[in-house]
């Protein structure tokens, strides 16, 4: 499509920068152009990324659909309590005392997913027109200054 070509060719109208909310962060991977907050941070991929990083890679497979991901940590605790399987390694969330998903955790997962979806083979703070450090700050700042009812 012309949008893909514009992004690939870095046409001025299609520059994807740290000030953009990538579609992988939206519920059903699609932004509502009339309300850019609707569905933001609710994609299945973002929730799976959070679970893979902070609870366990296998827990990411338990994500059924789109959602807000608010119960990621708590649901993982309940699942581990109910299973009588062999002892499982302590998850990152437990090691760092994480009791809920935080803006910084969302920002970290979003950066990791953005990198995984890119064509880079090694980490760089700046990828063309995209600055991961500024992107991380933009995600965290969104929750500090959340303009809608989510605040």
C-alpha atoms as a PDB file:
ATOM      1  CA  UNK A   1       0.000   0.000   0.000  1.00  0.00           C
ATOM      2  CA  UNK A   2       1.022   3.626  -0.323  1.00  0.00           C
ATOM      3  CA  UNK A   3       1.262   3.958   3.476  1.00  0.00           C
ATOM      4  CA  UNK A   4       3.744   1.071   3.732  1.00  0.00           C
ATOM      5  CA  UNK A   5       5.774   2.490   0.863  1.00  0.00           C
ATOM      6  CA  UNK A   6       5.727   5.948   2.471  1.00  0.00           C
ATOM      7  CA  UNK A   7       6.974   4.575   5.790  1.00  0.00           C
ATOM      8  CA  UNK A   8       9.585   2.360   4.154  1.00  0.00           C
ATOM      9  CA  UNK A   9      10.851   5.215   1.953  1.00  0.00           C
ATOM     10  CA  UNK A  10      10.772   7.637   4.913  1.00  0.00           C
ATOM     11  CA  UNK A  11       8.536  10.082   3.063  1.00  0.00           C
ATOM     12  CA  UNK A  12       8.001  13.178   5.220  1.00  0.00           C
ATOM     13  CA  UNK A  13       4.248  12.559   5.555  1.00  0.00           C
ATOM     14  CA  UNK A  14       4.880   9.028   6.860  1.00  0.00           C
ATOM     15  CA  UNK A  15       7.804   9.427   9.256  1.00  0.00           C
ATOM     16  CA  UNK A  16       7.275   7.124  12.242  1.00  0.00           C
ATOM     17  CA  UNK A  17       9.023   8.655  15.230  1.00  0.00           C
ATOM     18  CA  UNK A  18       9.045   8.386  19.004  1.00  0.00           C
ATOM     19  CA  UNK A  19       6.124  10.836  18.971  1.00  0.00           C
ATOM     20  CA  UNK A  20       3.942   8.303  17.148  1.00  0.00           C
ATOM     21  CA  UNK A  21       1.897   5.616  18.876  1.00  0.00           C
ATOM     22  CA  UNK A  22       2.666   2.503  16.802  1.00  0.00           C
ATOM     23  CA  UNK A  23      -0.326   0.394  15.802  1.00  0.00           C
ATOM     24  CA  UNK A  24       0.957  -2.588  17.831  1.00  0.00           C
ATOM     25  CA  UNK A  25       0.022  -0.612  20.955  1.00  0.00           C
ATOM     26  CA  UNK A  26      -3.668  -0.358  20.034  1.00  0.00           C
ATOM     27  CA  UNK A  27      -6.494  -2.772  20.655  1.00  0.00           C
ATOM     28  CA  UNK A  28      -6.958  -4.719  17.414  1.00  0.00           C
ATOM     29  CA  UNK A  29      -3.828  -2.888  16.158  1.00  0.00           C
ATOM     30  CA  UNK A  30      -5.839   0.035  14.846  1.00  0.00           C
ATOM     31  CA  UNK A  31      -5.986   3.620  16.090  1.00  0.00           C
ATOM     32  CA  UNK A  32      -9.230   5.557  16.162  1.00  0.00           C
ATOM     33  CA  UNK A  33      -8.273   8.726  14.281  1.00  0.00           C
ATOM     34  CA  UNK A  34     -11.052  10.656  16.046  1.00  0.00           C
ATOM     35  CA  UNK A  35      -9.901   9.538  19.517  1.00  0.00           C
ATOM     36  CA  UNK A  36      -6.264   8.406  19.650  1.00  0.00           C
ATOM     37  CA  UNK A  37      -6.618   7.341  23.297  1.00  0.00           C
ATOM     38  CA  UNK A  38      -9.305   4.748  22.539  1.00  0.00           C
ATOM     39  CA  UNK A  39      -7.714   1.307  22.668  1.00  0.00           C
ATOM     40  CA  UNK A  40      -4.213   2.670  23.306  1.00  0.00           C
ATOM     41  CA  UNK A  41      -2.024   0.296  25.397  1.00  0.00           C
ATOM     42  CA  UNK A  42      -4.659  -2.455  25.069  1.00  0.00           C
ATOM     43  CA  UNK A  43      -3.268  -4.598  22.268  1.00  0.00           C
ATOM     44  CA  UNK A  44      -2.908  -8.326  22.593  1.00  0.00           C
ATOM     45  CA  UNK A  45       0.746  -8.068  21.532  1.00  0.00           C
ATOM     46  CA  UNK A  46       1.548  -5.507  24.229  1.00  0.00           C
ATOM     47  CA  UNK A  47      -0.166  -7.600  26.905  1.00  0.00           C
ATOM     48  CA  UNK A  48       1.641 -10.721  25.700  1.00  0.00           C
ATOM     49  CA  UNK A  49       4.932  -8.809  25.784  1.00  0.00           C
ATOM     50  CA  UNK A  50       4.309  -7.640  29.341  1.00  0.00           C
ATOM     51  CA  UNK A  51       3.485 -11.176  30.449  1.00  0.00           C
ATOM     52  CA  UNK A  52       6.482 -12.693  28.660  1.00  0.00           C
ATOM     53  CA  UNK A  53       8.873 -10.188  30.244  1.00  0.00           C
ATOM     54  CA  UNK A  54       7.473  -9.900  33.759  1.00  0.00           C
ATOM     55  CA  UNK A  55       5.686 -13.185  34.530  1.00  0.00           C
ATOM     56  CA  UNK A  56       6.906 -15.864  32.086  1.00  0.00           C
ATOM     57  CA  UNK A  57       7.082 -16.515  28.353  1.00  0.00           C
ATOM     58  CA  UNK A  58       4.576 -19.356  28.696  1.00  0.00           C
ATOM     59  CA  UNK A  59       2.065 -17.077  30.467  1.00  0.00           C
ATOM     60  CA  UNK A  60       1.971 -14.914  27.333  1.00  0.00           C
ATOM     61  CA  UNK A  61       0.271 -17.816  25.559  1.00  0.00           C
ATOM     62  CA  UNK A  62      -2.663 -17.492  27.963  1.00  0.00           C
ATOM     63  CA  UNK A  63      -3.741 -14.111  26.528  1.00  0.00           C
ATOM     64  CA  UNK A  64      -7.045 -14.756  24.772  1.00  0.00           C
ATOM     65  CA  UNK A  65      -7.955 -11.444  23.236  1.00  0.00           C
ATOM     66  CA  UNK A  66      -7.587  -7.741  23.562  1.00  0.00           C
ATOM     67  CA  UNK A  67      -7.899  -6.131  26.983  1.00  0.00           C
ATOM     68  CA  UNK A  68      -6.464  -3.636  29.387  1.00  0.00           C
ATOM     69  CA  UNK A  69      -3.923  -5.988  30.966  1.00  0.00           C
ATOM     70  CA  UNK A  70      -4.531  -4.581  34.445  1.00  0.00           C
ATOM     71  CA  UNK A  71      -4.684  -8.024  36.032  1.00  0.00           C
ATOM     72  CA  UNK A  72      -1.565  -9.526  34.431  1.00  0.00           C
ATOM     73  CA  UNK A  73       0.458  -9.857  37.625  1.00  0.00           C
ATOM     74  CA  UNK A  74      -2.414 -10.935  39.884  1.00  0.00           C
ATOM     75  CA  UNK A  75      -3.711 -13.571  37.453  1.00  0.00           C
ATOM     76  CA  UNK A  76      -0.236 -15.056  37.165  1.00  0.00           C
ATOM     77  CA  UNK A  77      -0.018 -15.357  40.982  1.00  0.00           C
ATOM     78  CA  UNK A  78      -3.367 -17.163  41.127  1.00  0.00           C
ATOM     79  CA  UNK A  79      -2.370 -19.531  38.321  1.00  0.00           C
ATOM     80  CA  UNK A  80       0.869 -20.472  40.081  1.00  0.00           C
ATOM     81  CA  UNK A  81      -0.974 -21.098  43.361  1.00  0.00           C
ATOM     82  CA  UNK A  82      -3.454 -23.447  41.674  1.00  0.00           C
ATOM     83  CA  UNK A  83      -0.964 -25.592  39.813  1.00  0.00           C
ATOM     84  CA  UNK A  84       0.771 -28.498  41.488  1.00  0.00           C
ATOM     85  CA  UNK A  85       3.465 -28.796  38.860  1.00  0.00           C
ATOM     86  CA  UNK A  86       7.194 -28.913  39.402  1.00  0.00           C
ATOM     87  CA  UNK A  87       8.680 -25.862  41.059  1.00  0.00           C
ATOM     88  CA  UNK A  88       8.805 -22.936  38.660  1.00  0.00           C
ATOM     89  CA  UNK A  89      11.489 -20.258  38.674  1.00  0.00           C
ATOM     90  CA  UNK A  90      10.443 -17.043  40.347  1.00  0.00           C
ATOM     91  CA  UNK A  91       9.207 -14.568  37.771  1.00  0.00           C
ATOM     92  CA  UNK A  92      10.745 -11.139  37.244  1.00  0.00           C
ATOM     93  CA  UNK A  93       7.667  -9.439  38.725  1.00  0.00           C
ATOM     94  CA  UNK A  94       8.164 -11.313  42.008  1.00  0.00           C
ATOM     95  CA  UNK A  95      11.907 -10.706  42.068  1.00  0.00           C
ATOM     96  CA  UNK A  96      11.457  -6.941  41.730  1.00  0.00           C
ATOM     97  CA  UNK A  97       8.371  -6.778  43.982  1.00  0.00           C
ATOM     98  CA  UNK A  98       6.073  -5.720  41.158  1.00  0.00           C
ATOM     99  CA  UNK A  99       2.457  -5.905  42.313  1.00  0.00           C
ATOM    100  CA  UNK A 100       0.824  -4.141  39.370  1.00  0.00           C
ATOM    101  CA  UNK A 101       1.623  -3.061  35.852  1.00  0.00           C
ATOM    102  CA  UNK A 102       3.266   0.352  35.909  1.00  0.00           C
ATOM    103  CA  UNK A 103       3.771   2.990  33.212  1.00  0.00           C
ATOM    104  CA  UNK A 104       7.495   2.194  33.241  1.00  0.00           C
ATOM    105  CA  UNK A 105       6.792  -1.514  32.700  1.00  0.00           C
ATOM    106  CA  UNK A 106       4.492  -0.674  29.793  1.00  0.00           C
ATOM    107  CA  UNK A 107       7.152   1.628  28.327  1.00  0.00           C
ATOM    108  CA  UNK A 108       9.830  -1.056  28.686  1.00  0.00           C
ATOM    109  CA  UNK A 109       7.671  -3.701  27.015  1.00  0.00           C
ATOM    110  CA  UNK A 110       6.670  -1.282  24.238  1.00  0.00           C
ATOM    111  CA  UNK A 111      10.345  -0.541  23.509  1.00  0.00           C
ATOM    112  CA  UNK A 112      11.212  -4.244  23.441  1.00  0.00           C
ATOM    113  CA  UNK A 113       8.304  -5.022  21.118  1.00  0.00           C
ATOM    114  CA  UNK A 114       9.107  -2.081  18.829  1.00  0.00           C
ATOM    115  CA  UNK A 115      12.700  -3.341  18.597  1.00  0.00           C
ATOM    116  CA  UNK A 116      11.565  -6.932  17.932  1.00  0.00           C
ATOM    117  CA  UNK A 117       9.312  -5.734  15.112  1.00  0.00           C
ATOM    118  CA  UNK A 118      12.083  -3.673  13.522  1.00  0.00           C
ATOM    119  CA  UNK A 119      14.668  -4.993  11.107  1.00  0.00           C
ATOM    120  CA  UNK A 120      17.564  -4.150  13.442  1.00  0.00           C
ATOM    121  CA  UNK A 121      19.887  -6.949  14.478  1.00  0.00           C
ATOM    122  CA  UNK A 122      21.360  -5.132  17.481  1.00  0.00           C
ATOM    123  CA  UNK A 123      20.041  -2.580  19.937  1.00  0.00           C
ATOM    124  CA  UNK A 124      20.462   1.114  19.192  1.00  0.00           C
ATOM    125  CA  UNK A 125      19.026   3.988  21.182  1.00  0.00           C
ATOM    126  CA  UNK A 126      18.122   5.728  17.927  1.00  0.00           C
ATOM    127  CA  UNK A 127      16.765   3.750  14.971  1.00  0.00           C
ATOM    128  CA  UNK A 128      16.517   6.109  11.999  1.00  0.00           C
ATOM    129  CA  UNK A 129      13.843   8.624  12.963  1.00  0.00           C
ATOM    130  CA  UNK A 130      12.863   6.700  16.105  1.00  0.00           C
ATOM    131  CA  UNK A 131      14.488   7.468  19.468  1.00  0.00           C
ATOM    132  CA  UNK A 132      13.727   4.703  21.998  1.00  0.00           C
ATOM    133  CA  UNK A 133      14.713   6.822  24.997  1.00  0.00           C
ATOM    134  CA  UNK A 134      12.276   9.580  24.028  1.00  0.00           C
ATOM    135  CA  UNK A 135       9.605   6.984  23.184  1.00  0.00           C
ATOM    136  CA  UNK A 136       9.996   5.414  26.648  1.00  0.00           C
ATOM    137  CA  UNK A 137       9.620   8.871  28.208  1.00  0.00           C
ATOM    138  CA  UNK A 138       6.542   9.600  26.071  1.00  0.00           C
ATOM    139  CA  UNK A 139       4.824   6.420  27.270  1.00  0.00           C
ATOM    140  CA  UNK A 140       5.621   7.129  30.935  1.00  0.00           C
ATOM    141  CA  UNK A 141       4.598  10.784  30.562  1.00  0.00           C
ATOM    142  CA  UNK A 142       1.287   9.772  28.981  1.00  0.00           C
ATOM    143  CA  UNK A 143       0.262   8.150  32.261  1.00  0.00           C
ATOM    144  CA  UNK A 144       1.488  11.089  34.345  1.00  0.00           C
ATOM    145  CA  UNK A 145      -0.595  13.483  32.308  1.00  0.00           C
ATOM    146  CA  UNK A 146      -3.296  11.103  31.092  1.00  0.00           C
ATOM    147  CA  UNK A 147      -5.853  13.401  29.461  1.00  0.00           C
ATOM    148  CA  UNK A 148      -8.887  11.086  29.656  1.00  0.00           C
ATOM    149  CA  UNK A 149     -10.846   9.096  32.239  1.00  0.00           C
ATOM    150  CA  UNK A 150      -7.915   6.665  32.645  1.00  0.00           C
ATOM    151  CA  UNK A 151      -6.130   9.329  34.698  1.00  0.00           C
END
